[in-house]
Amino acid sequence: VVRGRDWKWDNQDGGPGKTGILQKFQGWADEQDNTRNAARVEWSASHRGNVYRVGHKGMVDLKCVKPASGGNYYPEHLQVLGKASPVIINSGDYVQVQVELAEFQRMQEGHGGWAGQLSETVGKVGRVKVVFQDADVKVEVGGQSWTYNPYCLKPAPGERLSESQTTGD
């Protein structure tokens, strides 16, 4: 790997164009964080390692320059780094927005857009009215309906989803 588009780590890599070896994927917060939105790299120039963002808050510090060989996988089964799979949601479920405001605003692009009043729905329980074909979700919160990106929503605490619903793969 080499520096990616969001690199901000001075010369930890030994300078522009210097390469490193990807050691493993992990969470940005710590190794037990299973979001896999960061990667540990050992730099060839210094033989020192560090953790860099590969999806954390939409930032990508690394760029692949030589794909590794070995191992089989199904690309369509891979999760987007830095994003948990959305919870499967059906009409009638109770949900709430459980992401930070800045992230919520960013995530709404292309999913109903942003209106200032949406900020008032963060943390409030709403009832799902419609799940659209593109997976966007119309939720009624405080008597008003809004369209949400499904990645912004979680089941409301204390509310159970129906038996047939599970977290997506």
Protein backbone atom coordinates (compact mmCIF):
# COMPACT_ATOMS: atom_id res chain seq x y z
CA VAL A 1 0.00 0.00 0.00
CA VAL A 2 0.93 3.69 -0.33
CA ARG A 3 -0.63 6.95 0.85
CA GLY A 4 -4.28 7.33 -0.07
CA ARG A 5 -6.48 10.33 -0.83
CA ASP A 6 -7.04 11.37 2.82
CA TRP A 7 -3.48 10.91 4.12
CA LYS A 8 -2.70 13.31 7.00
CA TRP A 9 0.04 11.48 8.86
CA ASP A 10 3.10 13.48 7.77
CA ASN A 11 5.98 11.11 6.90
CA GLN A 12 5.03 8.08 9.04
CA ASP A 13 5.32 6.08 5.81
CA GLY A 14 8.82 7.35 5.02
CA GLY A 15 7.59 9.88 2.44
CA PRO A 16 5.49 10.04 -0.74
CA GLY A 17 5.67 6.89 -2.84
CA LYS A 18 7.07 4.69 -0.04
CA THR A 19 5.31 1.36 0.29
CA GLY A 20 4.08 -0.68 3.21
CA ILE A 21 2.66 -4.13 3.82
CA LEU A 22 -0.92 -4.48 5.02
CA GLN A 23 -0.81 -6.60 8.18
CA LYS A 24 -4.53 -6.82 9.01
CA PHE A 25 -7.88 -5.06 9.03
CA GLN A 26 -9.35 -3.96 12.35
CA GLY A 27 -11.61 -1.33 13.91
CA TRP A 28 -10.38 2.25 14.21
CA ALA A 29 -11.15 2.35 17.94
CA ASP A 30 -9.27 -0.85 18.81
CA GLU A 31 -8.57 -4.37 17.65
CA GLN A 32 -11.78 -5.71 19.24
CA ASP A 33 -13.92 -3.23 17.24
CA ASN A 34 -15.33 -5.43 14.46
CA THR A 35 -16.23 -2.68 11.98
CA ARG A 36 -12.97 -3.29 10.07
CA ASN A 37 -12.73 0.38 9.12
CA ALA A 38 -8.97 0.62 9.70
CA ALA A 39 -5.86 -1.30 8.68
CA ARG A 40 -2.52 -1.98 10.36
CA VAL A 41 0.42 -1.38 8.01
CA GLU A 42 4.16 -1.96 8.44
CA TRP A 43 6.17 0.55 6.38
CA SER A 44 9.08 -0.86 4.36
CA ALA A 45 11.28 2.22 4.90
CA SER A 46 11.15 2.20 8.71
CA HIS A 47 9.80 -1.26 9.60
CA ARG A 48 7.42 0.57 11.93
CA GLY A 49 3.71 -0.07 11.95
CA ASN A 50 0.62 1.97 12.63
CA VAL A 51 -3.15 1.91 12.09
CA TYR A 52 -4.75 3.91 9.27
CA ARG A 53 -8.33 4.69 8.20
CA VAL A 54 -9.92 2.63 5.44
CA GLY A 55 -13.52 3.78 5.75
CA HIS A 56 -13.62 5.33 9.23
CA LYS A 57 -15.85 8.42 8.91
CA GLY A 58 -15.53 8.10 5.13
CA MET A 59 -11.75 8.63 5.14
CA VAL A 60 -9.24 6.45 3.25
CA ASP A 61 -5.58 6.87 4.15
CA LEU A 62 -4.26 3.95 2.08
CA LYS A 63 -4.16 2.89 -1.55
CA CYS A 64 -3.42 -0.61 -2.81
CA VAL A 65 -0.53 -0.78 -5.27
CA LYS A 66 -0.09 -4.55 -5.49
CA PRO A 67 -2.95 -6.95 -4.81
CA ALA A 68 -2.05 -9.96 -2.68
CA SER A 69 -2.60 -13.47 -3.95
CA GLY A 70 -4.09 -16.44 -2.19
CA GLY A 71 -7.38 -17.17 -0.54
CA ASN A 72 -10.80 -17.31 -2.14
CA TYR A 73 -13.71 -14.99 -1.50
CA TYR A 74 -16.97 -13.82 -3.00
CA PRO A 75 -16.79 -10.05 -3.61
CA GLU A 76 -20.57 -9.68 -3.35
CA HIS A 77 -20.41 -11.07 0.22
CA LEU A 78 -17.97 -8.44 1.45
CA GLN A 79 -19.30 -5.74 3.74
CA VAL A 80 -18.59 -2.10 2.93
CA LEU A 81 -15.77 -1.09 5.29
CA GLY A 82 -16.82 1.21 8.09
CA LYS A 83 -20.50 0.42 7.77
CA ALA A 84 -22.46 -2.13 9.67
CA SER A 85 -25.12 -3.92 7.71
CA PRO A 86 -28.51 -2.32 8.20
CA VAL A 87 -31.04 -4.01 10.42
CA ILE A 88 -33.85 -5.57 8.41
CA ILE A 89 -36.81 -3.27 8.90
CA ASN A 90 -40.49 -3.81 8.11
CA SER A 91 -43.54 -1.58 8.17
CA GLY A 92 -44.84 -1.19 11.71
CA ASP A 93 -41.44 -1.54 13.41
CA TYR A 94 -40.32 1.07 15.93
CA VAL A 95 -36.91 2.57 15.14
CA GLN A 96 -34.74 5.56 15.96
CA VAL A 97 -31.80 7.42 14.46
CA GLN A 98 -28.69 6.41 16.39
CA VAL A 99 -25.79 8.11 14.61
CA GLU A 100 -24.08 11.42 15.36
CA LEU A 101 -25.66 14.48 13.76
CA ALA A 102 -22.82 15.25 11.30
CA GLU A 103 -22.71 11.62 10.15
CA PHE A 104 -26.52 11.53 9.90
CA GLN A 105 -26.53 14.61 7.68
CA ARG A 106 -23.85 13.11 5.40
CA MET A 107 -25.62 9.75 5.21
CA GLN A 108 -28.90 11.33 4.12
CA GLU A 109 -27.43 12.45 0.78
CA GLY A 110 -29.27 10.43 -1.87
CA HIS A 111 -31.69 9.05 0.73
CA GLY A 112 -34.38 11.69 1.10
CA GLY A 113 -31.94 14.55 1.50
CA TRP A 114 -31.41 16.80 4.48
CA ALA A 115 -33.77 19.26 6.14
CA GLY A 116 -32.84 21.09 9.34
CA GLN A 117 -35.83 19.62 11.16
CA LEU A 118 -34.38 16.12 10.72
CA SER A 119 -31.89 16.95 13.47
CA GLU A 120 -34.83 17.02 15.90
CA THR A 121 -35.54 13.33 15.14
CA VAL A 122 -32.18 12.03 16.40
CA GLY A 123 -32.81 9.64 19.29
CA LYS A 124 -36.61 9.87 19.03
CA VAL A 125 -38.69 6.76 18.46
CA GLY A 126 -40.67 6.56 15.24
CA ARG A 127 -42.83 3.99 13.51
CA VAL A 128 -41.92 2.65 10.07
CA LYS A 129 -44.60 3.44 7.51
CA VAL A 130 -42.97 2.20 4.29
CA VAL A 131 -39.79 0.39 3.26
CA PHE A 132 -39.08 1.40 -0.34
CA GLN A 133 -37.65 -0.88 -3.03
CA ASP A 134 -34.24 0.83 -2.70
CA ALA A 135 -34.32 0.03 1.08
CA ASP A 136 -34.88 3.66 2.12
CA VAL A 137 -37.35 3.85 4.99
CA LYS A 138 -40.25 6.25 5.58
CA VAL A 139 -40.71 6.75 9.32
CA GLU A 140 -43.32 8.79 11.19
CA VAL A 141 -41.75 10.69 14.08
CA GLY A 142 -43.82 13.12 16.15
CA GLY A 143 -46.63 13.20 13.59
CA GLN A 144 -44.36 13.97 10.62
CA SER A 145 -43.01 11.48 8.04
CA TRP A 146 -39.39 11.46 6.89
CA THR A 147 -37.40 9.28 4.50
CA TYR A 148 -34.22 7.84 6.04
CA ASN A 149 -31.11 6.00 4.92
CA PRO A 150 -31.57 2.54 6.53
CA TYR A 151 -27.98 2.64 7.87
CA CYS A 152 -29.04 5.52 10.16
CA LEU A 153 -31.73 3.46 11.89
CA LYS A 154 -31.65 0.94 14.73
CA PRO A 155 -34.50 -0.80 16.54
CA ALA A 156 -35.80 1.45 19.30
CA PRO A 157 -34.60 0.30 22.75
CA GLY A 158 -37.15 -1.95 24.37
CA GLU A 159 -38.91 -2.58 21.07
CA ARG A 160 -38.63 -6.04 19.58
CA LEU A 161 -38.54 -6.70 15.88
CA SER A 162 -40.67 -9.59 14.69
CA GLU A 163 -39.24 -13.12 15.07
CA SER A 164 -38.38 -13.35 11.37
CA GLN A 165 -36.16 -10.28 11.42
CA THR A 166 -32.42 -10.51 11.95
CA THR A 167 -29.41 -8.34 11.32
CA GLY A 168 -28.40 -8.37 7.65
CA ASP A 169 -25.25 -10.18 6.53
